[in-house]
Amino acid sequence: MTTKRFFAGFLLVSLVLAGIVSYYASASPDGLEKVAEDKGISAKEKDHSLKDSPFGDYGVKGIENARLSGGLSGVVGVGAVLLVGGGLFWAVRRRGAPAARDAGRDEAAPSEPARKG
């Protein structure tokens, strides 16, 4: 499997999980939230300052269909992570010295067949 195929498959699986499967996630509170509710810690909780943002509360503002709104916010999230993470990876990737890159390029090039004559 080539690296490009691996990343294409990874991207496809991520988009399917974020866009489709995430709709079926449990709406019940997770373990930390459950403990906070049981112990009364959540009585002091306040709404997040970005609650009314375009992607607040795991949905897209203005889209009334919960399935479409949640799926679209997941796909946008995957795209944002891909752009930010890919951009950082591209910016800090290791680069060899120009002479070393050129030498590596020459070694990778196919050799010309010997001519008779």
PDB file of N, CA and C in Angstrom:
ATOM      1  N   MET A   1       0.855  -1.177   0.000  1.00  0.00           N
ATOM      2  CA  MET A   1       0.000   0.000   0.000  1.00  0.00           C
ATOM      3  C   MET A   1       0.895   1.233   0.000  1.00  0.00           C
ATOM      4  N   THR A   2       0.597   2.137  -0.894  1.00  0.00           N
ATOM      5  CA  THR A   2       1.393   3.348  -0.967  1.00  0.00           C
ATOM      6  C   THR A   2       0.937   4.339   0.106  1.00  0.00           C
ATOM      7  N   THR A   3       1.792   5.307   0.358  1.00  0.00           N
ATOM      8  CA  THR A   3       1.477   6.319   1.366  1.00  0.00           C
ATOM      9  C   THR A   3       0.253   7.134   0.952  1.00  0.00           C
ATOM     10  N   LYS A   4       0.149   7.457  -0.327  1.00  0.00           N
ATOM     11  CA  LYS A   4      -1.002   8.242  -0.793  1.00  0.00           C
ATOM     12  C   LYS A   4      -2.294   7.467  -0.608  1.00  0.00           C
ATOM     13  N   ARG A   5      -2.285   6.180  -0.902  1.00  0.00           N
ATOM     14  CA  ARG A   5      -3.491   5.370  -0.715  1.00  0.00           C
ATOM     15  C   ARG A   5      -3.847   5.263   0.764  1.00  0.00           C
ATOM     16  N   PHE A   6      -2.829   5.125   1.609  1.00  0.00           N
ATOM     17  CA  PHE A   6      -3.077   5.066   3.048  1.00  0.00           C
ATOM     18  C   PHE A   6      -3.761   6.339   3.531  1.00  0.00           C
ATOM     19  N   PHE A   7      -3.224   7.503   3.152  1.00  0.00           N
ATOM     20  CA  PHE A   7      -3.806   8.763   3.592  1.00  0.00           C
ATOM     21  C   PHE A   7      -5.179   8.995   2.966  1.00  0.00           C
ATOM     22  N   ALA A   8      -5.384   8.580   1.733  1.00  0.00           N
ATOM     23  CA  ALA A   8      -6.707   8.710   1.110  1.00  0.00           C
ATOM     24  C   ALA A   8      -7.727   7.845   1.855  1.00  0.00           C
ATOM     25  N   GLY A   9      -7.353   6.624   2.222  1.00  0.00           N
ATOM     26  CA  GLY A   9      -8.236   5.761   2.996  1.00  0.00           C
ATOM     27  C   GLY A   9      -8.511   6.318   4.374  1.00  0.00           C
ATOM     28  N   PHE A  10      -7.471   6.841   5.007  1.00  0.00           N
ATOM     29  CA  PHE A  10      -7.618   7.447   6.334  1.00  0.00           C
ATOM     30  C   PHE A  10      -8.567   8.636   6.273  1.00  0.00           C
ATOM     31  N   LEU A  11      -8.427   9.460   5.247  1.00  0.00           N
ATOM     32  CA  LEU A  11      -9.302  10.620   5.084  1.00  0.00           C
ATOM     33  C   LEU A  11     -10.742  10.176   4.844  1.00  0.00           C
ATOM     34  N   LEU A  12     -10.928   9.175   4.018  1.00  0.00           N
ATOM     35  CA  LEU A  12     -12.279   8.681   3.729  1.00  0.00           C
ATOM     36  C   LEU A  12     -12.947   8.136   4.989  1.00  0.00           C
ATOM     37  N   VAL A  13     -12.230   7.344   5.755  1.00  0.00           N
ATOM     38  CA  VAL A  13     -12.781   6.787   6.996  1.00  0.00           C
ATOM     39  C   VAL A  13     -13.094   7.914   7.985  1.00  0.00           C
ATOM     40  N   SER A  14     -12.223   8.898   8.075  1.00  0.00           N
ATOM     41  CA  SER A  14     -12.450  10.028   8.985  1.00  0.00           C
ATOM     42  C   SER A  14     -13.697  10.813   8.600  1.00  0.00           C
ATOM     43  N   LEU A  15     -13.878  11.031   7.305  1.00  0.00           N
ATOM     44  CA  LEU A  15     -15.054  11.775   6.856  1.00  0.00           C
ATOM     45  C   LEU A  15     -16.337  10.988   7.092  1.00  0.00           C
ATOM     46  N   VAL A  16     -16.298   9.687   6.879  1.00  0.00           N
ATOM     47  CA  VAL A  16     -17.484   8.854   7.123  1.00  0.00           C
ATOM     48  C   VAL A  16     -17.825   8.848   8.610  1.00  0.00           C
ATOM     49  N   LEU A  17     -16.804   8.695   9.453  1.00  0.00           N
ATOM     50  CA  LEU A  17     -17.048   8.695  10.898  1.00  0.00           C
ATOM     51  C   LEU A  17     -17.587  10.047  11.374  1.00  0.00           C
ATOM     52  N   ALA A  18     -16.983  11.117  10.901  1.00  0.00           N
ATOM     53  CA  ALA A  18     -17.404  12.445  11.343  1.00  0.00           C
ATOM     54  C   ALA A  18     -18.727  12.866  10.737  1.00  0.00           C
ATOM     55  N   GLY A  19     -18.962  12.498   9.496  1.00  0.00           N
ATOM     56  CA  GLY A  19     -20.153  12.968   8.800  1.00  0.00           C
ATOM     57  C   GLY A  19     -21.377  12.106   8.998  1.00  0.00           C
ATOM     58  N   ILE A  20     -21.203  10.813   9.210  1.00  0.00           N
ATOM     59  CA  ILE A  20     -22.356   9.910   9.270  1.00  0.00           C
ATOM     60  C   ILE A  20     -22.467   9.224  10.629  1.00  0.00           C
ATOM     61  N   VAL A  21     -21.406   8.564  11.040  1.00  0.00           N
ATOM     62  CA  VAL A  21     -21.473   7.728  12.244  1.00  0.00           C
ATOM     63  C   VAL A  21     -21.614   8.574  13.505  1.00  0.00           C
ATOM     64  N   SER A  22     -21.081   9.786  13.497  1.00  0.00           N
ATOM     65  CA  SER A  22     -21.142  10.622  14.699  1.00  0.00           C
ATOM     66  C   SER A  22     -22.580  10.943  15.095  1.00  0.00           C
ATOM     67  N   TYR A  23     -23.506  10.886  14.146  1.00  0.00           N
ATOM     68  CA  TYR A  23     -24.900  11.158  14.476  1.00  0.00           C
ATOM     69  C   TYR A  23     -25.446  10.134  15.472  1.00  0.00           C
ATOM     70  N   TYR A  24     -24.920   8.929  15.436  1.00  0.00           N
ATOM     71  CA  TYR A  24     -25.419   7.853  16.278  1.00  0.00           C
ATOM     72  C   TYR A  24     -24.703   7.786  17.633  1.00  0.00           C
ATOM     73  N   ALA A  25     -23.854   8.746  17.928  1.00  0.00           N
ATOM     74  CA  ALA A  25     -23.180   8.774  19.229  1.00  0.00           C
ATOM     75  C   ALA A  25     -24.195   9.029  20.328  1.00  0.00           C
ATOM     76  N   SER A  26     -23.898   8.573  21.496  1.00  0.00           N
ATOM     77  CA  SER A  26     -24.813   8.708  22.621  1.00  0.00           C
ATOM     78  C   SER A  26     -24.983  10.174  23.012  1.00  0.00           C
ATOM     79  N   ALA A  27     -26.205  10.553  23.314  1.00  0.00           N
ATOM     80  CA  ALA A  27     -26.484  11.902  23.777  1.00  0.00           C
ATOM     81  C   ALA A  27     -26.384  11.996  25.296  1.00  0.00           C
ATOM     82  N   SER A  28     -26.153  10.858  25.939  1.00  0.00           N
ATOM     83  CA  SER A  28     -26.016  10.851  27.395  1.00  0.00           C
ATOM     84  C   SER A  28     -24.690  11.486  27.791  1.00  0.00           C
ATOM     85  N   PRO A  29     -24.623  12.035  28.992  1.00  0.00           N
ATOM     86  CA  PRO A  29     -23.355  12.649  29.412  1.00  0.00           C
ATOM     87  C   PRO A  29     -22.247  11.602  29.553  1.00  0.00           C
ATOM     88  N   ASP A  30     -21.029  12.033  29.267  1.00  0.00           N
ATOM     89  CA  ASP A  30     -19.904  11.106  29.423  1.00  0.00           C
ATOM     90  C   ASP A  30     -19.584  10.933  30.907  1.00  0.00           C
ATOM     91  N   GLY A  31     -18.579  10.128  31.203  1.00  0.00           N
ATOM     92  CA  GLY A  31     -18.258   9.790  32.583  1.00  0.00           C
ATOM     93  C   GLY A  31     -17.965  10.985  33.453  1.00  0.00           C
ATOM     94  N   LEU A  32     -17.190  11.919  32.955  1.00  0.00           N
ATOM     95  CA  LEU A  32     -16.829  13.097  33.748  1.00  0.00           C
ATOM     96  C   LEU A  32     -18.058  13.958  34.028  1.00  0.00           C
ATOM     97  N   GLU A  33     -18.888  14.128  33.000  1.00  0.00           N
ATOM     98  CA  GLU A  33     -20.107  14.921  33.198  1.00  0.00           C
ATOM     99  C   GLU A  33     -21.051  14.236  34.189  1.00  0.00           C
ATOM    100  N   LYS A  34     -21.127  12.916  34.110  1.00  0.00           N
ATOM    101  CA  LYS A  34     -21.998  12.153  35.016  1.00  0.00           C
ATOM    102  C   LYS A  34     -21.540  12.313  36.474  1.00  0.00           C
ATOM    103  N   VAL A  35     -20.248  12.206  36.690  1.00  0.00           N
ATOM    104  CA  VAL A  35     -19.712  12.371  38.041  1.00  0.00           C
ATOM    105  C   VAL A  35     -19.950  13.799  38.530  1.00  0.00           C
ATOM    106  N   ALA A  36     -19.754  14.785  37.630  1.00  0.00           N
ATOM    107  CA  ALA A  36     -19.970  16.182  38.011  1.00  0.00           C
ATOM    108  C   ALA A  36     -21.427  16.419  38.389  1.00  0.00           C
ATOM    109  N   GLU A  37     -22.351  15.782  37.655  1.00  0.00           N
ATOM    110  CA  GLU A  37     -23.775  15.924  37.992  1.00  0.00           C
ATOM    111  C   GLU A  37     -24.078  15.242  39.313  1.00  0.00           C
ATOM    112  N   ASP A  38     -23.557  14.026  39.505  1.00  0.00           N
ATOM    113  CA  ASP A  38     -23.839  13.267  40.728  1.00  0.00           C
ATOM    114  C   ASP A  38     -23.276  13.946  41.970  1.00  0.00           C
ATOM    115  N   LYS A  39     -22.126  14.567  41.849  1.00  0.00           N
ATOM    116  CA  LYS A  39     -21.474  15.189  43.010  1.00  0.00           C
ATOM    117  C   LYS A  39     -21.855  16.659  43.184  1.00  0.00           C
ATOM    118  N   GLY A  40     -22.675  17.193  42.272  1.00  0.00           N
ATOM    119  CA  GLY A  40     -23.115  18.580  42.393  1.00  0.00           C
ATOM    120  C   GLY A  40     -22.113  19.601  41.896  1.00  0.00           C
ATOM    121  N   ILE A  41     -21.070  19.132  41.261  1.00  0.00           N
ATOM    122  CA  ILE A  41     -20.049  20.059  40.755  1.00  0.00           C
ATOM    123  C   ILE A  41     -20.597  20.860  39.568  1.00  0.00           C
ATOM    124  N   SER A  42     -21.493  20.250  38.816  1.00  0.00           N
ATOM    125  CA  SER A  42     -21.997  20.901  37.598  1.00  0.00           C
ATOM    126  C   SER A  42     -22.950  22.054  37.907  1.00  0.00           C
ATOM    127  N   ALA A  43     -23.310  22.250  39.171  1.00  0.00           N
ATOM    128  CA  ALA A  43     -24.212  23.354  39.515  1.00  0.00           C
ATOM    129  C   ALA A  43     -23.573  24.705  39.230  1.00  0.00           C
ATOM    130  N   LYS A  44     -22.245  24.727  39.225  1.00  0.00           N
ATOM    131  CA  LYS A  44     -21.536  25.989  38.980  1.00  0.00           C
ATOM    132  C   LYS A  44     -21.183  26.193  37.512  1.00  0.00           C
ATOM    133  N   GLU A  45     -21.548  25.248  36.658  1.00  0.00           N
ATOM    134  CA  GLU A  45     -21.142  25.364  35.260  1.00  0.00           C
ATOM    135  C   GLU A  45     -21.897  26.493  34.560  1.00  0.00           C
ATOM    136  N   LYS A  46     -21.211  27.076  33.596  1.00  0.00           N
ATOM    137  CA  LYS A  46     -21.778  28.169  32.803  1.00  0.00           C
ATOM    138  C   LYS A  46     -21.688  27.779  31.344  1.00  0.00           C
ATOM    139  N   ASP A  47     -22.505  28.395  30.526  1.00  0.00           N
ATOM    140  CA  ASP A  47     -22.418  28.146  29.090  1.00  0.00           C
ATOM    141  C   ASP A  47     -21.088  28.645  28.554  1.00  0.00           C
ATOM    142  N   HIS A  48     -20.582  27.940  27.548  1.00  0.00           N
ATOM    143  CA  HIS A  48     -19.326  28.319  26.913  1.00  0.00           C
ATOM    144  C   HIS A  48     -19.513  29.635  26.162  1.00  0.00           C
ATOM    145  N   SER A  49     -18.485  30.455  26.145  1.00  0.00           N
ATOM    146  CA  SER A  49     -18.585  31.753  25.483  1.00  0.00           C
ATOM    147  C   SER A  49     -18.792  31.631  23.972  1.00  0.00           C
ATOM    148  N   LEU A  50     -18.414  30.491  23.389  1.00  0.00           N
ATOM    149  CA  LEU A  50     -18.580  30.289  21.940  1.00  0.00           C
ATOM    150  C   LEU A  50     -19.817  29.437  21.625  1.00  0.00           C
ATOM    151  N   LYS A  51     -20.719  29.347  22.575  1.00  0.00           N
ATOM    152  CA  LYS A  51     -21.900  28.512  22.381  1.00  0.00           C
ATOM    153  C   LYS A  51     -22.720  28.962  21.178  1.00  0.00           C
ATOM    154  N   ASP A  52     -22.781  30.250  20.921  1.00  0.00           N
ATOM    155  CA  ASP A  52     -23.576  30.777  19.813  1.00  0.00           C
ATOM    156  C   ASP A  52     -22.757  30.974  18.540  1.00  0.00           C
ATOM    157  N   SER A  53     -21.565  30.393  18.476  1.00  0.00           N
ATOM    158  CA  SER A  53     -20.726  30.516  17.290  1.00  0.00           C
ATOM    159  C   SER A  53     -21.319  29.662  16.158  1.00  0.00           C
ATOM    160  N   PRO A  54     -20.845  29.813  14.934  1.00  0.00           N
ATOM    161  CA  PRO A  54     -21.409  29.059  13.805  1.00  0.00           C
ATOM    162  C   PRO A  54     -21.347  27.546  13.989  1.00  0.00           C
ATOM    163  N   PHE A  55     -20.376  27.028  14.739  1.00  0.00           N
ATOM    164  CA  PHE A  55     -20.266  25.584  14.936  1.00  0.00           C
ATOM    165  C   PHE A  55     -20.425  25.205  16.414  1.00  0.00           C
ATOM    166  N   GLY A  56     -21.122  26.035  17.174  1.00  0.00           N
ATOM    167  CA  GLY A  56     -21.317  25.766  18.587  1.00  0.00           C
ATOM    168  C   GLY A  56     -22.256  24.585  18.822  1.00  0.00           C
ATOM    169  N   ASP A  57     -22.025  23.870  19.894  1.00  0.00           N
ATOM    170  CA  ASP A  57     -22.873  22.760  20.336  1.00  0.00           C
ATOM    171  C   ASP A  57     -22.960  21.641  19.287  1.00  0.00           C
ATOM    172  N   TYR A  58     -21.854  21.326  18.642  1.00  0.00           N
ATOM    173  CA  TYR A  58     -21.728  20.194  17.709  1.00  0.00           C
ATOM    174  C   TYR A  58     -22.712  20.274  16.541  1.00  0.00           C
ATOM    175  N   GLY A  59     -22.959  21.450  16.040  1.00  0.00           N
ATOM    176  CA  GLY A  59     -23.850  21.611  14.909  1.00  0.00           C
ATOM    177  C   GLY A  59     -23.499  22.855  14.120  1.00  0.00           C
ATOM    178  N   VAL A  60     -24.170  23.026  12.993  1.00  0.00           N
ATOM    179  CA  VAL A  60     -23.970  24.204  12.167  1.00  0.00           C
ATOM    180  C   VAL A  60     -25.174  25.113  12.376  1.00  0.00           C
ATOM    181  N   LYS A  61     -24.894  26.332  12.755  1.00  0.00           N
ATOM    182  CA  LYS A  61     -25.960  27.290  13.032  1.00  0.00           C
ATOM    183  C   LYS A  61     -26.742  27.571  11.751  1.00  0.00           C
ATOM    184  N   GLY A  62     -28.043  27.562  11.853  1.00  0.00           N
ATOM    185  CA  GLY A  62     -28.889  27.873  10.702  1.00  0.00           C
ATOM    186  C   GLY A  62     -29.420  26.649   9.987  1.00  0.00           C
ATOM    187  N   ILE A  63     -28.895  25.473  10.283  1.00  0.00           N
ATOM    188  CA  ILE A  63     -29.386  24.236   9.671  1.00  0.00           C
ATOM    189  C   ILE A  63     -30.220  23.519  10.723  1.00  0.00           C
ATOM    190  N   GLU A  64     -31.500  23.394  10.454  1.00  0.00           N
ATOM    191  CA  GLU A  64     -32.428  22.843  11.442  1.00  0.00           C
ATOM    192  C   GLU A  64     -32.374  21.318  11.522  1.00  0.00           C
ATOM    193  N   ASN A  65     -32.032  20.645  10.436  1.00  0.00           N
ATOM    194  CA  ASN A  65     -31.960  19.180  10.431  1.00  0.00           C
ATOM    195  C   ASN A  65     -30.762  18.749  11.271  1.00  0.00           C
ATOM    196  N   ALA A  66     -31.018  18.071  12.394  1.00  0.00           N
ATOM    197  CA  ALA A  66     -29.944  17.703  13.330  1.00  0.00           C
ATOM    198  C   ALA A  66     -28.934  16.762  12.688  1.00  0.00           C
ATOM    199  N   ARG A  67     -29.403  15.836  11.871  1.00  0.00           N
ATOM    200  CA  ARG A  67     -28.495  14.881  11.237  1.00  0.00           C
ATOM    201  C   ARG A  67     -27.552  15.593  10.281  1.00  0.00           C
ATOM    202  N   LEU A  68     -28.096  16.464   9.449  1.00  0.00           N
ATOM    203  CA  LEU A  68     -27.287  17.210   8.485  1.00  0.00           C
ATOM    204  C   LEU A  68     -26.366  18.201   9.188  1.00  0.00           C
ATOM    205  N   SER A  69     -26.881  18.871  10.195  1.00  0.00           N
ATOM    206  CA  SER A  69     -26.095  19.868  10.921  1.00  0.00           C
ATOM    207  C   SER A  69     -24.904  19.234  11.634  1.00  0.00           C
ATOM    208  N   GLY A  70     -25.155  18.119  12.337  1.00  0.00           N
ATOM    209  CA  GLY A  70     -24.059  17.442  13.041  1.00  0.00           C
ATOM    210  C   GLY A  70     -23.047  16.843  12.083  1.00  0.00           C
ATOM    211  N   GLY A  71     -23.539  16.239  11.006  1.00  0.00           N
ATOM    212  CA  GLY A  71     -22.628  15.642  10.029  1.00  0.00           C
ATOM    213  C   GLY A  71     -21.775  16.685   9.336  1.00  0.00           C
ATOM    214  N   LEU A  72     -22.398  17.798   8.988  1.00  0.00           N
ATOM    215  CA  LEU A  72     -21.648  18.863   8.321  1.00  0.00           C
ATOM    216  C   LEU A  72     -20.597  19.463   9.247  1.00  0.00           C
ATOM    217  N   SER A  73     -20.940  19.636  10.515  1.00  0.00           N
ATOM    218  CA  SER A  73     -19.947  20.179  11.451  1.00  0.00           C
ATOM    219  C   SER A  73     -18.787  19.197  11.626  1.00  0.00           C
ATOM    220  N   GLY A  74     -19.080  17.890  11.601  1.00  0.00           N
ATOM    221  CA  GLY A  74     -18.007  16.898  11.678  1.00  0.00           C
ATOM    222  C   GLY A  74     -17.093  16.943  10.467  1.00  0.00           C
ATOM    223  N   VAL A  75     -17.685  17.067   9.288  1.00  0.00           N
ATOM    224  CA  VAL A  75     -16.876  17.124   8.063  1.00  0.00           C
ATOM    225  C   VAL A  75     -16.030  18.391   8.043  1.00  0.00           C
ATOM    226  N   VAL A  76     -16.614  19.504   8.468  1.00  0.00           N
ATOM    227  CA  VAL A  76     -15.848  20.755   8.531  1.00  0.00           C
ATOM    228  C   VAL A  76     -14.713  20.620   9.546  1.00  0.00           C
ATOM    229  N   GLY A  77     -14.983  19.942  10.661  1.00  0.00           N
ATOM    230  CA  GLY A  77     -13.935  19.728  11.667  1.00  0.00           C
ATOM    231  C   GLY A  77     -12.793  18.889  11.134  1.00  0.00           C
ATOM    232  N   VAL A  78     -13.130  17.830  10.390  1.00  0.00           N
ATOM    233  CA  VAL A  78     -12.072  17.001   9.797  1.00  0.00           C
ATOM    234  C   VAL A  78     -11.254  17.834   8.814  1.00  0.00           C
ATOM    235  N   GLY A  79     -11.931  18.649   8.021  1.00  0.00           N
ATOM    236  CA  GLY A  79     -11.209  19.497   7.068  1.00  0.00           C
ATOM    237  C   GLY A  79     -10.313  20.503   7.770  1.00  0.00           C
ATOM    238  N   ALA A  80     -10.804  21.087   8.865  1.00  0.00           N
ATOM    239  CA  ALA A  80      -9.994  22.070   9.600  1.00  0.00           C
ATOM    240  C   ALA A  80      -8.765  21.417  10.212  1.00  0.00           C
ATOM    241  N   VAL A  81      -8.954  20.241  10.796  1.00  0.00           N
ATOM    242  CA  VAL A  81      -7.809  19.529  11.383  1.00  0.00           C
ATOM    243  C   VAL A  81      -6.815  19.144  10.298  1.00  0.00           C
ATOM    244  N   LEU A  82      -7.316  18.707   9.161  1.00  0.00           N
ATOM    245  CA  LEU A  82      -6.432  18.341   8.051  1.00  0.00           C
ATOM    246  C   LEU A  82      -5.636  19.554   7.568  1.00  0.00           C
ATOM    247  N   LEU A  83      -6.302  20.684   7.426  1.00  0.00           N
ATOM    248  CA  LEU A  83      -5.601  21.884   6.958  1.00  0.00           C
ATOM    249  C   LEU A  83      -4.561  22.371   7.964  1.00  0.00           C
ATOM    250  N   VAL A  84      -4.958  22.457   9.226  1.00  0.00           N
ATOM    251  CA  VAL A  84      -4.031  22.971  10.247  1.00  0.00           C
ATOM    252  C   VAL A  84      -2.900  21.969  10.479  1.00  0.00           C
ATOM    253  N   GLY A  85      -3.270  20.706  10.688  1.00  0.00           N
ATOM    254  CA  GLY A  85      -2.249  19.687  10.939  1.00  0.00           C
ATOM    255  C   GLY A  85      -1.343  19.470   9.736  1.00  0.00           C
ATOM    256  N   GLY A  86      -1.941  19.413   8.546  1.00  0.00           N
ATOM    257  CA  GLY A  86      -1.136  19.243   7.333  1.00  0.00           C
ATOM    258  C   GLY A  86      -0.236  20.431   7.082  1.00  0.00           C
ATOM    259  N   GLY A  87      -0.755  21.623   7.368  1.00  0.00           N
ATOM    260  CA  GLY A  87       0.065  22.827   7.192  1.00  0.00           C
ATOM    261  C   GLY A  87       1.240  22.856   8.152  1.00  0.00           C
ATOM    262  N   LEU A  88       0.991  22.475   9.401  1.00  0.00           N
ATOM    263  CA  LEU A  88       2.095  22.422  10.372  1.00  0.00           C
ATOM    264  C   LEU A  88       3.105  21.357   9.975  1.00  0.00           C
ATOM    265  N   PHE A  89       2.606  20.195   9.562  1.00  0.00           N
ATOM    266  CA  PHE A  89       3.510  19.120   9.150  1.00  0.00           C
ATOM    267  C   PHE A  89       4.348  19.557   7.955  1.00  0.00           C
ATOM    268  N   TRP A  90       3.725  20.213   6.996  1.00  0.00           N
ATOM    269  CA  TRP A  90       4.440  20.664   5.810  1.00  0.00           C
ATOM    270  C   TRP A  90       5.475  21.724   6.179  1.00  0.00           C
ATOM    271  N   ALA A  91       5.138  22.603   7.155  1.00  0.00           N
ATOM    272  CA  ALA A  91       6.037  23.690   7.533  1.00  0.00           C
ATOM    273  C   ALA A  91       7.265  23.195   8.287  1.00  0.00           C
ATOM    274  N   VAL A  92       7.121  22.149   9.090  1.00  0.00           N
ATOM    275  CA  VAL A  92       8.239  21.717   9.923  1.00  0.00           C
ATOM    276  C   VAL A  92       8.885  20.430   9.425  1.00  0.00           C
ATOM    277  N   ARG A  93       8.510  19.948   8.268  1.00  0.00           N
ATOM    278  CA  ARG A  93       9.087  18.696   7.778  1.00  0.00           C
ATOM    279  C   ARG A  93      10.590  18.851   7.584  1.00  0.00           C
ATOM    280  N   ARG A  94      11.253  17.728   7.671  1.00  0.00           N
ATOM    281  CA  ARG A  94      12.700  17.726   7.503  1.00  0.00           C
ATOM    282  C   ARG A  94      13.039  17.905   6.037  1.00  0.00           C
ATOM    283  N   ARG A  95      13.981  18.735   5.843  1.00  0.00           N
ATOM    284  CA  ARG A  95      14.456  18.952   4.482  1.00  0.00           C
ATOM    285  C   ARG A  95      15.957  18.758   4.491  1.00  0.00           C
ATOM    286  N   GLY A  96      16.447  17.996   3.558  1.00  0.00           N
ATOM    287  CA  GLY A  96      17.875  17.809   3.451  1.00  0.00           C
ATOM    288  C   GLY A  96      18.514  18.999   2.754  1.00  0.00           C
ATOM    289  N   ALA A  97      19.839  19.038   2.762  1.00  0.00           N
ATOM    290  CA  ALA A  97      20.559  20.078   2.042  1.00  0.00           C
ATOM    291  C   ALA A  97      20.278  19.911   0.547  1.00  0.00           C
ATOM    292  N   PRO A  98      20.308  20.993  -0.227  1.00  0.00           N
ATOM    293  CA  PRO A  98      20.006  20.885  -1.662  1.00  0.00           C
ATOM    294  C   PRO A  98      20.872  19.850  -2.381  1.00  0.00           C
ATOM    295  N   ALA A  99      22.157  19.773  -2.042  1.00  0.00           N
ATOM    296  CA  ALA A  99      23.033  18.804  -2.721  1.00  0.00           C
ATOM    297  C   ALA A  99      22.595  17.377  -2.409  1.00  0.00           C
ATOM    298  N   ALA A 100      22.178  17.137  -1.150  1.00  0.00           N
ATOM    299  CA  ALA A 100      21.742  15.797  -0.773  1.00  0.00           C
ATOM    300  C   ALA A 100      20.447  15.435  -1.481  1.00  0.00           C
ATOM    301  N   ARG A 101      19.549  16.428  -1.631  1.00  0.00           N
ATOM    302  CA  ARG A 101      18.295  16.147  -2.340  1.00  0.00           C
ATOM    303  C   ARG A 101      18.569  15.836  -3.804  1.00  0.00           C
ATOM    304  N   ASP A 102      19.478  16.612  -4.421  1.00  0.00           N
ATOM    305  CA  ASP A 102      19.792  16.371  -5.822  1.00  0.00           C
ATOM    306  C   ASP A 102      20.446  15.011  -6.006  1.00  0.00           C
ATOM    307  N   ALA A 103      21.322  14.638  -5.069  1.00  0.00           N
ATOM    308  CA  ALA A 103      21.982  13.333  -5.162  1.00  0.00           C
ATOM    309  C   ALA A 103      20.957  12.223  -5.033  1.00  0.00           C
ATOM    310  N   GLY A 104      19.986  12.381  -4.131  1.00  0.00           N
ATOM    311  CA  GLY A 104      18.936  11.390  -3.970  1.00  0.00           C
ATOM    312  C   GLY A 104      18.072  11.294  -5.198  1.00  0.00           C
ATOM    313  N   ARG A 105      17.848  12.407  -5.859  1.00  0.00           N
ATOM    314  CA  ARG A 105      17.032  12.427  -7.064  1.00  0.00           C
ATOM    315  C   ARG A 105      17.745  11.677  -8.189  1.00  0.00           C
ATOM    316  N   ASP A 106      19.071  11.852  -8.290  1.00  0.00           N
ATOM    317  CA  ASP A 106      19.817  11.161  -9.336  1.00  0.00           C
ATOM    318  C   ASP A 106      19.792   9.659  -9.131  1.00  0.00           C
ATOM    319  N   GLU A 107      19.859   9.244  -7.874  1.00  0.00           N
ATOM    320  CA  GLU A 107      19.852   7.806  -7.600  1.00  0.00           C
ATOM    321  C   GLU A 107      18.498   7.190  -7.889  1.00  0.00           C
ATOM    322  N   ALA A 108      17.433   7.969  -7.695  1.00  0.00           N
ATOM    323  CA  ALA A 108      16.102   7.432  -7.894  1.00  0.00           C
ATOM    324  C   ALA A 108      15.697   7.401  -9.361  1.00  0.00           C
ATOM    325  N   ALA A 109      16.372   8.192 -10.199  1.00  0.00           N
ATOM    326  CA  ALA A 109      16.010   8.243 -11.617  1.00  0.00           C
ATOM    327  C   ALA A 109      16.381   6.929 -12.290  1.00  0.00           C
ATOM    328  N   PRO A 110      15.520   6.462 -13.182  1.00  0.00           N
ATOM    329  CA  PRO A 110      15.841   5.202 -13.874  1.00  0.00           C
ATOM    330  C   PRO A 110      17.041   5.399 -14.794  1.00  0.00           C
ATOM    331  N   SER A 111      17.839   4.379 -14.864  1.00  0.00           N
ATOM    332  CA  SER A 111      19.033   4.474 -15.704  1.00  0.00           C
ATOM    333  C   SER A 111      18.650   4.261 -17.161  1.00  0.00           C
ATOM    334  N   GLU A 112      19.404   4.917 -18.020  1.00  0.00           N
ATOM    335  CA  GLU A 112      19.134   4.780 -19.447  1.00  0.00           C
ATOM    336  C   GLU A 112      19.717   3.459 -19.939  1.00  0.00           C
ATOM    337  N   PRO A 113      19.037   2.824 -20.849  1.00  0.00           N
ATOM    338  CA  PRO A 113      19.570   1.560 -21.372  1.00  0.00           C
ATOM    339  C   PRO A 113      20.851   1.818 -22.180  1.00  0.00           C
ATOM    340  N   ALA A 114      21.765   0.900 -22.085  1.00  0.00           N
ATOM    341  CA  ALA A 114      23.027   1.041 -22.803  1.00  0.00           C
ATOM    342  C   ALA A 114      22.771   0.915 -24.302  1.00  0.00           C
ATOM    343  N   ARG A 115      23.406   1.811 -25.029  1.00  0.00           N
ATOM    344  CA  ARG A 115      23.238   1.803 -26.484  1.00  0.00           C
ATOM    345  C   ARG A 115      24.365   1.001 -27.127  1.00  0.00           C
ATOM    346  N   LYS A 116      23.999   0.253 -28.077  1.00  0.00           N
ATOM    347  CA  LYS A 116      25.002  -0.509 -28.818  1.00  0.00           C
ATOM    348  C   LYS A 116      25.333   0.241 -30.093  1.00  0.00           C
ATOM    349  N   GLY A 117      26.525   0.229 -30.459  1.00  0.00           N
ATOM    350  CA  GLY A 117      26.806   0.855 -31.729  1.00  0.00           C
ATOM    351  C   GLY A 117      28.105   1.447 -31.827  1.00  0.00           C
TER     352      GLY A 117
END
